[in-house]
Amino acid sequence: MVVFESISLPVILKFNGKSILILAGMAGMTWLTSIFIKVQEPTTLLPSTAVFGTIMSLFLAFKTNEAYNRWWEARKMWGQLVNSSRTFARQVLNLITLHPDQNIHDQDELKNIQKELIYRHIGYINALRLSLRRERSWQELDPFVNKKELSEISAQTNLPTQLILKQAEQLKSIFNAGAENDYRYMQMDHTLNEFYNIQGACERIKNTVFPRIYSLYTTSFTWLFVFILIFSLFDEFDWQILTVRTLVGYVFVSLEKISRFLKDPFENRISDTPMSALCRTIEIDLREMLGERDIPAPVRPVNGVLY
């Protein structure tokens, strides 16, 4: 996600360099055509081009708005995940105690159980990040999840789901047979349900494809409009008008590309939800709640982009 008000030139070129080259090529082709092709009467494409541009503006506005809604919902879900993670850690530290009705025998065992639950949750949020990005680098979870446990569930289709199930099983064993009637267990189980709701919302955004026909037509018609806008100048060539029209074309092409990027907010691109940074934020908060001192540094932006 771009976090600086000013974006560096390398980022702009990385995002739109190919489009800039294509537009420059169109402008150059128009200039060459104006030299070698002479027409007796100028074309009258400008009124039609203006109508075409108005229609394309409406299409792009709708597509960009819908794409932004998907992007914003993804960001809200991860913001909710940050808050729910803090809630879960607080519940682990305050509701799991040396109480007679809990299956914990001494202070050392209590600390180990609390750390295991919180570390497994850190593993869960990172597993969700990897899953949404279609990455299977499960070795990143080694510092947080027991290796034997991780090897048992790593072959499962949905590893984050299995980690929450492990959390639920351990909580039930802690609160013994009466867990279903224990308000502390019920509160923590409700928090686990919140994680499933957040995960499900993110998976819905990831797996629900933006209508392909609409995307295809919008992209195709945008480039067709830009081509007509620039190339229609070949019979009355003027560098100033060509420059303005090329810039207008760049605006349309950029808006279309922005909408394509925003509709898929989990691809680890410059416009996406900064899941790596949010996972690190959660890790820092939860490990500090455990009283640890050897805490990793927050993820910093790279060239104005936070991943």
C-alpha atoms as a PDB file:
ATOM      1  CA  MET A   1       0.000   0.000   0.000  1.00  0.00           C
ATOM      2  CA  VAL A   2       1.349   3.420  -0.943  1.00  0.00           C
ATOM      3  CA  VAL A   3       1.795   5.377   2.288  1.00  0.00           C
ATOM      4  CA  PHE A   4       3.657   8.530   1.204  1.00  0.00           C
ATOM      5  CA  GLU A   5       1.954  11.544  -0.357  1.00  0.00           C
ATOM      6  CA  SER A   6       4.740  11.802  -2.946  1.00  0.00           C
ATOM      7  CA  ILE A   7       5.475   8.666  -4.964  1.00  0.00           C
ATOM      8  CA  SER A   8       8.981   8.079  -6.294  1.00  0.00           C
ATOM      9  CA  LEU A   9       9.626   7.885 -10.036  1.00  0.00           C
ATOM     10  CA  PRO A  10      10.711   4.191  -9.883  1.00  0.00           C
ATOM     11  CA  VAL A  11       7.359   3.281  -8.343  1.00  0.00           C
ATOM     12  CA  ILE A  12       5.468   5.182 -11.066  1.00  0.00           C
ATOM     13  CA  LEU A  13       7.511   3.510 -13.793  1.00  0.00           C
ATOM     14  CA  LYS A  14       7.011   0.096 -12.203  1.00  0.00           C
ATOM     15  CA  PHE A  15       3.270   0.658 -12.049  1.00  0.00           C
ATOM     16  CA  ASN A  16       2.687   2.344 -15.412  1.00  0.00           C
ATOM     17  CA  GLY A  17       5.937   2.154 -17.386  1.00  0.00           C
ATOM     18  CA  LYS A  18       4.518  -0.196 -20.034  1.00  0.00           C
ATOM     19  CA  SER A  19       1.472   2.010 -20.585  1.00  0.00           C
ATOM     20  CA  ILE A  20       3.670   5.103 -20.948  1.00  0.00           C
ATOM     21  CA  LEU A  21       5.723   3.355 -23.643  1.00  0.00           C
ATOM     22  CA  ILE A  22       2.585   2.283 -25.530  1.00  0.00           C
ATOM     23  CA  LEU A  23       1.155   5.820 -25.427  1.00  0.00           C
ATOM     24  CA  ALA A  24       4.472   7.253 -26.600  1.00  0.00           C
ATOM     25  CA  GLY A  25       4.443   4.719 -29.440  1.00  0.00           C
ATOM     26  CA  MET A  26       0.919   5.799 -30.448  1.00  0.00           C
ATOM     27  CA  ALA A  27       1.969   9.437 -30.446  1.00  0.00           C
ATOM     28  CA  GLY A  28       5.037   8.624 -32.558  1.00  0.00           C
ATOM     29  CA  MET A  29       2.940   6.579 -34.991  1.00  0.00           C
ATOM     30  CA  THR A  30       0.519   9.482 -35.327  1.00  0.00           C
ATOM     31  CA  TRP A  31       3.399  11.861 -36.102  1.00  0.00           C
ATOM     32  CA  LEU A  32       4.856   9.504 -38.740  1.00  0.00           C
ATOM     33  CA  THR A  33       1.437   8.965 -40.307  1.00  0.00           C
ATOM     34  CA  SER A  34       0.917  12.726 -40.558  1.00  0.00           C
ATOM     35  CA  ILE A  35       4.167  12.966 -42.539  1.00  0.00           C
ATOM     36  CA  PHE A  36       3.526  10.195 -45.064  1.00  0.00           C
ATOM     37  CA  ILE A  37      -0.265  10.385 -45.446  1.00  0.00           C
ATOM     38  CA  LYS A  38      -1.894  13.538 -46.713  1.00  0.00           C
ATOM     39  CA  VAL A  39      -5.693  13.919 -46.781  1.00  0.00           C
ATOM     40  CA  GLN A  40      -7.735  16.475 -48.666  1.00  0.00           C
ATOM     41  CA  GLU A  41     -10.400  16.948 -46.004  1.00  0.00           C
ATOM     42  CA  PRO A  42      -9.827  16.648 -42.246  1.00  0.00           C
ATOM     43  CA  THR A  43     -11.687  13.959 -40.358  1.00  0.00           C
ATOM     44  CA  THR A  44     -14.597  14.863 -38.096  1.00  0.00           C
ATOM     45  CA  LEU A  45     -13.967  12.364 -35.310  1.00  0.00           C
ATOM     46  CA  LEU A  46     -13.755  14.858 -32.456  1.00  0.00           C
ATOM     47  CA  PRO A  47     -17.507  15.010 -31.595  1.00  0.00           C
ATOM     48  CA  SER A  48     -17.795  11.210 -31.711  1.00  0.00           C
ATOM     49  CA  THR A  49     -14.637  10.859 -29.651  1.00  0.00           C
ATOM     50  CA  ALA A  50     -16.051  13.207 -27.013  1.00  0.00           C
ATOM     51  CA  VAL A  51     -19.215  11.074 -26.713  1.00  0.00           C
ATOM     52  CA  PHE A  52     -17.101   7.907 -26.538  1.00  0.00           C
ATOM     53  CA  GLY A  53     -14.965   9.485 -23.817  1.00  0.00           C
ATOM     54  CA  THR A  54     -18.020  10.436 -21.759  1.00  0.00           C
ATOM     55  CA  ILE A  55     -19.341   6.869 -21.906  1.00  0.00           C
ATOM     56  CA  MET A  56     -15.938   5.461 -20.945  1.00  0.00           C
ATOM     57  CA  SER A  57     -15.767   7.867 -18.006  1.00  0.00           C
ATOM     58  CA  LEU A  58     -18.991   6.402 -16.634  1.00  0.00           C
ATOM     59  CA  PHE A  59     -17.748   2.842 -17.130  1.00  0.00           C
ATOM     60  CA  LEU A  60     -14.450   3.587 -15.415  1.00  0.00           C
ATOM     61  CA  ALA A  61     -16.129   5.440 -12.553  1.00  0.00           C
ATOM     62  CA  PHE A  62     -18.374   2.446 -11.822  1.00  0.00           C
ATOM     63  CA  LYS A  63     -15.523  -0.069 -12.097  1.00  0.00           C
ATOM     64  CA  THR A  64     -13.189   1.987  -9.916  1.00  0.00           C
ATOM     65  CA  ASN A  65     -15.878   2.483  -7.278  1.00  0.00           C
ATOM     66  CA  GLU A  66     -16.673  -1.232  -7.086  1.00  0.00           C
ATOM     67  CA  ALA A  67     -12.973  -2.118  -7.009  1.00  0.00           C
ATOM     68  CA  TYR A  68     -12.363   0.377  -4.209  1.00  0.00           C
ATOM     69  CA  ASN A  69     -15.211  -1.153  -2.195  1.00  0.00           C
ATOM     70  CA  ARG A  70     -13.453  -4.535  -2.374  1.00  0.00           C
ATOM     71  CA  TRP A  71     -10.130  -2.958  -1.398  1.00  0.00           C
ATOM     72  CA  TRP A  72     -11.660  -1.035   1.518  1.00  0.00           C
ATOM     73  CA  GLU A  73     -13.512  -4.082   2.824  1.00  0.00           C
ATOM     74  CA  ALA A  74     -10.233  -6.048   2.781  1.00  0.00           C
ATOM     75  CA  ARG A  75      -8.508  -3.290   4.751  1.00  0.00           C
ATOM     76  CA  LYS A  76     -11.356  -3.172   7.281  1.00  0.00           C
ATOM     77  CA  MET A  77     -11.185  -6.929   7.776  1.00  0.00           C
ATOM     78  CA  TRP A  78      -7.481  -6.781   8.550  1.00  0.00           C
ATOM     79  CA  GLY A  79      -8.023  -3.839  10.866  1.00  0.00           C
ATOM     80  CA  GLN A  80     -10.619  -5.918  12.685  1.00  0.00           C
ATOM     81  CA  LEU A  81      -8.149  -8.809  12.802  1.00  0.00           C
ATOM     82  CA  VAL A  82      -5.628  -6.559  14.573  1.00  0.00           C
ATOM     83  CA  ASN A  83      -8.184  -5.592  17.228  1.00  0.00           C
ATOM     84  CA  SER A  84      -9.520  -9.127  17.704  1.00  0.00           C
ATOM     85  CA  SER A  85      -5.971 -10.445  18.050  1.00  0.00           C
ATOM     86  CA  ARG A  86      -5.299  -8.042  20.909  1.00  0.00           C
ATOM     87  CA  THR A  87      -8.583  -9.117  22.498  1.00  0.00           C
ATOM     88  CA  PHE A  88      -7.653 -12.788  22.225  1.00  0.00           C
ATOM     89  CA  ALA A  89      -4.240 -12.226  23.810  1.00  0.00           C
ATOM     90  CA  ARG A  90      -5.822 -10.276  26.670  1.00  0.00           C
ATOM     91  CA  GLN A  91      -8.304 -13.094  27.235  1.00  0.00           C
ATOM     92  CA  VAL A  92      -5.511 -15.688  27.251  1.00  0.00           C
ATOM     93  CA  LEU A  93      -3.544 -13.726  29.844  1.00  0.00           C
ATOM     94  CA  ASN A  94      -6.494 -12.841  32.077  1.00  0.00           C
ATOM     95  CA  LEU A  95      -9.003 -15.681  31.770  1.00  0.00           C
ATOM     96  CA  ILE A  96      -6.600 -18.625  31.802  1.00  0.00           C
ATOM     97  CA  THR A  97      -5.278 -18.789  35.375  1.00  0.00           C
ATOM     98  CA  LEU A  98      -4.389 -21.206  38.164  1.00  0.00           C
ATOM     99  CA  HIS A  99      -8.076 -21.679  38.932  1.00  0.00           C
ATOM    100  CA  PRO A 100      -9.154 -25.027  40.399  1.00  0.00           C
ATOM    101  CA  ASP A 101     -11.525 -25.751  37.514  1.00  0.00           C
ATOM    102  CA  GLN A 102      -8.791 -25.285  34.905  1.00  0.00           C
ATOM    103  CA  ASN A 103      -6.458 -28.108  33.967  1.00  0.00           C
ATOM    104  CA  ILE A 104      -3.257 -26.228  34.908  1.00  0.00           C
ATOM    105  CA  HIS A 105      -1.025 -27.321  37.786  1.00  0.00           C
ATOM    106  CA  ASP A 106       1.638 -24.648  38.347  1.00  0.00           C
ATOM    107  CA  GLN A 107       2.835 -21.210  37.290  1.00  0.00           C
ATOM    108  CA  ASP A 108       5.396 -22.523  34.788  1.00  0.00           C
ATOM    109  CA  GLU A 109       2.772 -24.611  33.005  1.00  0.00           C
ATOM    110  CA  LEU A 110       0.456 -21.595  32.951  1.00  0.00           C
ATOM    111  CA  LYS A 111       3.107 -19.408  31.300  1.00  0.00           C
ATOM    112  CA  ASN A 112       3.908 -22.102  28.737  1.00  0.00           C
ATOM    113  CA  ILE A 113       0.234 -22.558  27.833  1.00  0.00           C
ATOM    114  CA  GLN A 114      -0.345 -18.832  27.490  1.00  0.00           C
ATOM    115  CA  LYS A 115       2.728 -18.474  25.292  1.00  0.00           C
ATOM    116  CA  GLU A 116       1.725 -21.464  23.159  1.00  0.00           C
ATOM    117  CA  LEU A 117      -1.764 -20.063  22.530  1.00  0.00           C
ATOM    118  CA  ILE A 118      -0.508 -16.583  21.677  1.00  0.00           C
ATOM    119  CA  TYR A 119       2.333 -17.842  19.507  1.00  0.00           C
ATOM    120  CA  ARG A 120      -0.024 -20.173  17.653  1.00  0.00           C
ATOM    121  CA  HIS A 121      -2.232 -17.162  16.961  1.00  0.00           C
ATOM    122  CA  ILE A 122       0.733 -15.266  15.518  1.00  0.00           C
ATOM    123  CA  GLY A 123       1.280 -18.316  13.344  1.00  0.00           C
ATOM    124  CA  TYR A 124      -2.385 -18.192  12.346  1.00  0.00           C
ATOM    125  CA  ILE A 125      -2.323 -14.586  11.079  1.00  0.00           C
ATOM    126  CA  ASN A 126       0.846 -15.285   9.081  1.00  0.00           C
ATOM    127  CA  ALA A 127      -0.701 -18.469   7.685  1.00  0.00           C
ATOM    128  CA  LEU A 128      -3.730 -16.425   6.609  1.00  0.00           C
ATOM    129  CA  ARG A 129      -1.429 -13.917   4.905  1.00  0.00           C
ATOM    130  CA  LEU A 130       0.388 -16.673   3.028  1.00  0.00           C
ATOM    131  CA  SER A 131      -2.868 -18.376   2.089  1.00  0.00           C
ATOM    132  CA  LEU A 132      -4.423 -15.207   0.671  1.00  0.00           C
ATOM    133  CA  ARG A 133      -1.298 -14.573  -1.394  1.00  0.00           C
ATOM    134  CA  ARG A 134      -1.337 -18.173  -2.652  1.00  0.00           C
ATOM    135  CA  GLU A 135       2.041 -18.791  -1.059  1.00  0.00           C
ATOM    136  CA  ARG A 136       2.875 -22.008   0.767  1.00  0.00           C
ATOM    137  CA  SER A 137       6.040 -20.954   2.583  1.00  0.00           C
ATOM    138  CA  TRP A 138       4.870 -22.649   5.753  1.00  0.00           C
ATOM    139  CA  GLN A 139       8.433 -22.642   7.120  1.00  0.00           C
ATOM    140  CA  GLU A 140       7.775 -19.021   8.067  1.00  0.00           C
ATOM    141  CA  LEU A 141       5.506 -20.391  10.802  1.00  0.00           C
ATOM    142  CA  ASP A 142       8.270 -22.423  12.473  1.00  0.00           C
ATOM    143  CA  PRO A 143       9.014 -19.787  15.165  1.00  0.00           C
ATOM    144  CA  PHE A 144       5.364 -19.750  16.251  1.00  0.00           C
ATOM    145  CA  VAL A 145       3.859 -23.216  15.781  1.00  0.00           C
ATOM    146  CA  ASN A 146       5.065 -26.528  17.204  1.00  0.00           C
ATOM    147  CA  LYS A 147       6.915 -28.374  14.422  1.00  0.00           C
ATOM    148  CA  LYS A 148       5.086 -31.644  15.019  1.00  0.00           C
ATOM    149  CA  GLU A 149       1.747 -29.876  14.969  1.00  0.00           C
ATOM    150  CA  LEU A 150       2.694 -27.929  11.840  1.00  0.00           C
ATOM    151  CA  SER A 151       3.783 -31.085  10.016  1.00  0.00           C
ATOM    152  CA  GLU A 152       0.423 -32.700  10.829  1.00  0.00           C
ATOM    153  CA  ILE A 153      -1.676 -29.889   9.367  1.00  0.00           C
ATOM    154  CA  SER A 154       0.577 -28.514   6.601  1.00  0.00           C
ATOM    155  CA  ALA A 155      -0.889 -30.961   4.085  1.00  0.00           C
ATOM    156  CA  GLN A 156      -4.432 -29.742   4.781  1.00  0.00           C
ATOM    157  CA  THR A 157      -6.205 -27.605   2.193  1.00  0.00           C
ATOM    158  CA  ASN A 158      -6.771 -24.672   4.545  1.00  0.00           C
ATOM    159  CA  LEU A 159      -4.017 -24.421   7.146  1.00  0.00           C
ATOM    160  CA  PRO A 160      -5.359 -21.281   8.901  1.00  0.00           C
ATOM    161  CA  THR A 161      -8.644 -23.087   9.569  1.00  0.00           C
ATOM    162  CA  GLN A 162      -6.759 -25.979  11.157  1.00  0.00           C
ATOM    163  CA  LEU A 163      -4.799 -23.645  13.433  1.00  0.00           C
ATOM    164  CA  ILE A 164      -7.986 -22.122  14.847  1.00  0.00           C
ATOM    165  CA  LEU A 165      -9.306 -25.650  15.388  1.00  0.00           C
ATOM    166  CA  LYS A 166      -6.136 -26.450  17.361  1.00  0.00           C
ATOM    167  CA  GLN A 167      -6.745 -23.354  19.481  1.00  0.00           C
ATOM    168  CA  ALA A 168     -10.308 -24.473  20.227  1.00  0.00           C
ATOM    169  CA  GLU A 169      -9.199 -27.992  21.147  1.00  0.00           C
ATOM    170  CA  GLN A 170      -6.548 -26.734  23.546  1.00  0.00           C
ATOM    171  CA  LEU A 171      -8.939 -24.261  25.188  1.00  0.00           C
ATOM    172  CA  LYS A 172     -11.492 -27.019  25.725  1.00  0.00           C
ATOM    173  CA  SER A 173      -8.869 -29.235  27.354  1.00  0.00           C
ATOM    174  CA  ILE A 174      -7.840 -26.379  29.659  1.00  0.00           C
ATOM    175  CA  PHE A 175     -11.365 -25.761  30.901  1.00  0.00           C
ATOM    176  CA  ASN A 176     -12.064 -29.497  31.316  1.00  0.00           C
ATOM    177  CA  ALA A 177     -15.453 -31.140  30.808  1.00  0.00           C
ATOM    178  CA  GLY A 178     -17.522 -28.116  31.866  1.00  0.00           C
ATOM    179  CA  ALA A 179     -16.098 -25.825  29.195  1.00  0.00           C
ATOM    180  CA  GLU A 180     -19.423 -25.375  27.388  1.00  0.00           C
ATOM    181  CA  ASN A 181     -20.910 -23.764  30.512  1.00  0.00           C
ATOM    182  CA  ASP A 182     -17.875 -21.700  31.499  1.00  0.00           C
ATOM    183  CA  TYR A 183     -18.300 -18.018  30.590  1.00  0.00           C
ATOM    184  CA  ARG A 184     -14.531 -17.625  30.143  1.00  0.00           C
ATOM    185  CA  TYR A 185     -14.392 -20.433  27.597  1.00  0.00           C
ATOM    186  CA  MET A 186     -17.487 -19.086  25.854  1.00  0.00           C
ATOM    187  CA  GLN A 187     -15.926 -15.615  25.518  1.00  0.00           C
ATOM    188  CA  MET A 188     -12.728 -17.012  24.043  1.00  0.00           C
ATOM    189  CA  ASP A 189     -14.654 -19.326  21.731  1.00  0.00           C
ATOM    190  CA  HIS A 190     -16.608 -16.286  20.507  1.00  0.00           C
ATOM    191  CA  THR A 191     -13.304 -14.582  19.690  1.00  0.00           C
ATOM    192  CA  LEU A 192     -12.210 -17.648  17.700  1.00  0.00           C
ATOM    193  CA  ASN A 193     -15.487 -17.404  15.783  1.00  0.00           C
ATOM    194  CA  GLU A 194     -14.599 -13.783  14.979  1.00  0.00           C
ATOM    195  CA  PHE A 195     -11.353 -14.982  13.423  1.00  0.00           C
ATOM    196  CA  TYR A 196     -13.289 -17.405  11.241  1.00  0.00           C
ATOM    197  CA  ASN A 197     -15.658 -14.596  10.186  1.00  0.00           C
ATOM    198  CA  ILE A 198     -12.731 -12.354   9.231  1.00  0.00           C
ATOM    199  CA  GLN A 199     -10.998 -15.190   7.417  1.00  0.00           C
ATOM    200  CA  GLY A 200     -14.184 -16.042   5.537  1.00  0.00           C
ATOM    201  CA  ALA A 201     -14.678 -12.428   4.449  1.00  0.00           C
ATOM    202  CA  CYS A 202     -11.105 -12.238   3.144  1.00  0.00           C
ATOM    203  CA  GLU A 203     -11.473 -15.554   1.304  1.00  0.00           C
ATOM    204  CA  ARG A 204     -14.722 -14.323  -0.243  1.00  0.00           C
ATOM    205  CA  ILE A 205     -12.948 -11.244  -1.609  1.00  0.00           C
ATOM    206  CA  LYS A 206     -10.057 -13.371  -2.825  1.00  0.00           C
ATOM    207  CA  ASN A 207     -12.131 -16.069  -4.498  1.00  0.00           C
ATOM    208  CA  THR A 208     -15.022 -14.003  -5.879  1.00  0.00           C
ATOM    209  CA  VAL A 209     -13.930 -12.991  -9.340  1.00  0.00           C
ATOM    210  CA  PHE A 210     -14.792  -9.487 -10.529  1.00  0.00           C
ATOM    211  CA  PRO A 211     -17.091  -9.987 -13.595  1.00  0.00           C
ATOM    212  CA  ARG A 212     -14.678 -10.944 -16.358  1.00  0.00           C
ATOM    213  CA  ILE A 213     -16.843  -9.657 -19.196  1.00  0.00           C
ATOM    214  CA  TYR A 214     -17.111  -6.227 -17.595  1.00  0.00           C
ATOM    215  CA  SER A 215     -13.361  -6.074 -16.924  1.00  0.00           C
ATOM    216  CA  LEU A 216     -12.504  -7.253 -20.443  1.00  0.00           C
ATOM    217  CA  TYR A 217     -14.806  -4.773 -22.150  1.00  0.00           C
ATOM    218  CA  THR A 218     -13.692  -1.876 -19.984  1.00  0.00           C
ATOM    219  CA  THR A 219     -10.017  -2.564 -20.659  1.00  0.00           C
ATOM    220  CA  SER A 220     -10.540  -3.094 -24.395  1.00  0.00           C
ATOM    221  CA  PHE A 221     -12.752  -0.042 -24.870  1.00  0.00           C
ATOM    222  CA  THR A 222     -10.411   2.153 -22.841  1.00  0.00           C
ATOM    223  CA  TRP A 223      -7.489   1.352 -25.125  1.00  0.00           C
ATOM    224  CA  LEU A 224      -9.707   1.707 -28.222  1.00  0.00           C
ATOM    225  CA  PHE A 225     -10.793   5.158 -27.067  1.00  0.00           C
ATOM    226  CA  VAL A 226      -7.199   6.221 -26.364  1.00  0.00           C
ATOM    227  CA  PHE A 227      -6.097   4.979 -29.801  1.00  0.00           C
ATOM    228  CA  ILE A 228      -8.880   6.899 -31.567  1.00  0.00           C
ATOM    229  CA  LEU A 229      -8.236   9.993 -29.452  1.00  0.00           C
ATOM    230  CA  ILE A 230      -4.550  10.123 -30.385  1.00  0.00           C
ATOM    231  CA  PHE A 231      -4.546   8.709 -33.909  1.00  0.00           C
ATOM    232  CA  SER A 232      -7.427  10.880 -35.152  1.00  0.00           C
ATOM    233  CA  LEU A 233      -5.000  13.819 -35.120  1.00  0.00           C
ATOM    234  CA  PHE A 234      -2.865  12.513 -38.004  1.00  0.00           C
ATOM    235  CA  ASP A 235      -4.651  14.652 -40.650  1.00  0.00           C
ATOM    236  CA  GLU A 236      -4.300  17.901 -38.657  1.00  0.00           C
ATOM    237  CA  PHE A 237      -1.097  17.277 -36.763  1.00  0.00           C
ATOM    238  CA  ASP A 238      -0.215  19.648 -33.942  1.00  0.00           C
ATOM    239  CA  TRP A 239       2.311  18.864 -31.197  1.00  0.00           C
ATOM    240  CA  GLN A 240       0.460  20.772 -28.499  1.00  0.00           C
ATOM    241  CA  ILE A 241      -2.848  19.030 -29.183  1.00  0.00           C
ATOM    242  CA  LEU A 242      -1.079  15.673 -29.468  1.00  0.00           C
ATOM    243  CA  THR A 243       0.567  16.191 -26.068  1.00  0.00           C
ATOM    244  CA  VAL A 244      -2.736  17.080 -24.411  1.00  0.00           C
ATOM    245  CA  ARG A 245      -4.538  14.132 -25.957  1.00  0.00           C
ATOM    246  CA  THR A 246      -1.756  11.756 -24.925  1.00  0.00           C
ATOM    247  CA  LEU A 247      -2.003  13.032 -21.345  1.00  0.00           C
ATOM    248  CA  VAL A 248      -5.784  12.541 -21.422  1.00  0.00           C
ATOM    249  CA  GLY A 249      -5.203   9.018 -22.678  1.00  0.00           C
ATOM    250  CA  TYR A 250      -2.736   8.419 -19.855  1.00  0.00           C
ATOM    251  CA  VAL A 251      -5.377   9.466 -17.318  1.00  0.00           C
ATOM    252  CA  PHE A 252      -7.910   6.992 -18.733  1.00  0.00           C
ATOM    253  CA  VAL A 253      -5.392   4.157 -18.922  1.00  0.00           C
ATOM    254  CA  SER A 254      -4.167   4.835 -15.381  1.00  0.00           C
ATOM    255  CA  LEU A 255      -7.688   4.842 -13.953  1.00  0.00           C
ATOM    256  CA  GLU A 256      -8.438   1.551 -15.681  1.00  0.00           C
ATOM    257  CA  LYS A 257      -5.264  -0.022 -14.318  1.00  0.00           C
ATOM    258  CA  ILE A 258      -5.886   1.315 -10.806  1.00  0.00           C
ATOM    259  CA  SER A 259      -9.326  -0.310 -10.812  1.00  0.00           C
ATOM    260  CA  ARG A 260      -7.782  -3.624 -11.935  1.00  0.00           C
ATOM    261  CA  PHE A 261      -5.283  -3.493  -9.079  1.00  0.00           C
ATOM    262  CA  LEU A 262      -7.751  -2.425  -6.389  1.00  0.00           C
ATOM    263  CA  LYS A 263     -10.197  -5.250  -7.098  1.00  0.00           C
ATOM    264  CA  ASP A 264      -7.603  -7.844  -6.007  1.00  0.00           C
ATOM    265  CA  PRO A 265      -6.200  -6.519  -2.698  1.00  0.00           C
ATOM    266  CA  PHE A 266      -4.247  -9.648  -1.671  1.00  0.00           C
ATOM    267  CA  GLU A 267      -1.697  -9.976  -4.508  1.00  0.00           C
ATOM    268  CA  ASN A 268       1.250  -8.312  -2.711  1.00  0.00           C
ATOM    269  CA  ARG A 269       1.306  -5.385  -5.129  1.00  0.00           C
ATOM    270  CA  ILE A 270       1.949  -1.741  -4.319  1.00  0.00           C
ATOM    271  CA  SER A 271      -1.768  -0.945  -3.948  1.00  0.00           C
ATOM    272  CA  ASP A 272      -2.667  -3.987  -1.847  1.00  0.00           C
ATOM    273  CA  THR A 273      -3.529  -4.445   1.822  1.00  0.00           C
ATOM    274  CA  PRO A 274      -0.182  -4.356   3.710  1.00  0.00           C
ATOM    275  CA  MET A 275      -0.632  -7.769   5.332  1.00  0.00           C
ATOM    276  CA  SER A 276       3.067  -8.273   6.107  1.00  0.00           C
ATOM    277  CA  ALA A 277       3.197  -4.995   8.039  1.00  0.00           C
ATOM    278  CA  LEU A 278      -0.068  -5.756   9.853  1.00  0.00           C
ATOM    279  CA  CYS A 279       1.140  -9.246  10.808  1.00  0.00           C
ATOM    280  CA  ARG A 280       4.291  -7.705  12.254  1.00  0.00           C
ATOM    281  CA  THR A 281       2.195  -5.138  14.168  1.00  0.00           C
ATOM    282  CA  ILE A 282       0.121  -7.920  15.715  1.00  0.00           C
ATOM    283  CA  GLU A 283       3.250  -9.933  16.537  1.00  0.00           C
ATOM    284  CA  ILE A 284       4.863  -6.962  18.283  1.00  0.00           C
ATOM    285  CA  ASP A 285       1.739  -6.180  20.318  1.00  0.00           C
ATOM    286  CA  LEU A 286       1.152  -9.768  21.422  1.00  0.00           C
ATOM    287  CA  ARG A 287       4.765 -10.516  22.328  1.00  0.00           C
ATOM    288  CA  GLU A 288       4.945  -7.306  24.349  1.00  0.00           C
ATOM    289  CA  MET A 289       1.791  -8.412  26.158  1.00  0.00           C
ATOM    290  CA  LEU A 290       3.691 -11.580  27.070  1.00  0.00           C
ATOM    291  CA  GLY A 291       6.395  -9.396  28.586  1.00  0.00           C
ATOM    292  CA  GLU A 292       9.054 -10.229  26.008  1.00  0.00           C
ATOM    293  CA  ARG A 293      11.875  -7.807  25.308  1.00  0.00           C
ATOM    294  CA  ASP A 294      13.454  -9.232  22.135  1.00  0.00           C
ATOM    295  CA  ILE A 295      10.836  -7.791  19.776  1.00  0.00           C
ATOM    296  CA  PRO A 296      11.259  -7.450  15.986  1.00  0.00           C
ATOM    297  CA  ALA A 297      11.107  -4.005  14.418  1.00  0.00           C
ATOM    298  CA  PRO A 298       7.992  -2.867  12.527  1.00  0.00           C
ATOM    299  CA  VAL A 299       7.945  -3.335   8.762  1.00  0.00           C
ATOM    300  CA  ARG A 300       9.045  -0.105   7.095  1.00  0.00           C
ATOM    301  CA  PRO A 301       7.912   1.272   3.702  1.00  0.00           C
ATOM    302  CA  VAL A 302      10.140   0.573   0.709  1.00  0.00           C
ATOM    303  CA  ASN A 303      10.169   3.467  -1.791  1.00  0.00           C
ATOM    304  CA  GLY A 304       6.961   4.764  -0.236  1.00  0.00           C
ATOM    305  CA  VAL A 305       5.206   1.376  -0.381  1.00  0.00           C
ATOM    306  CA  LEU A 306       4.224  -0.723   2.640  1.00  0.00           C
ATOM    307  CA  TYR A 307       3.785  -4.434   1.966  1.00  0.00           C
END
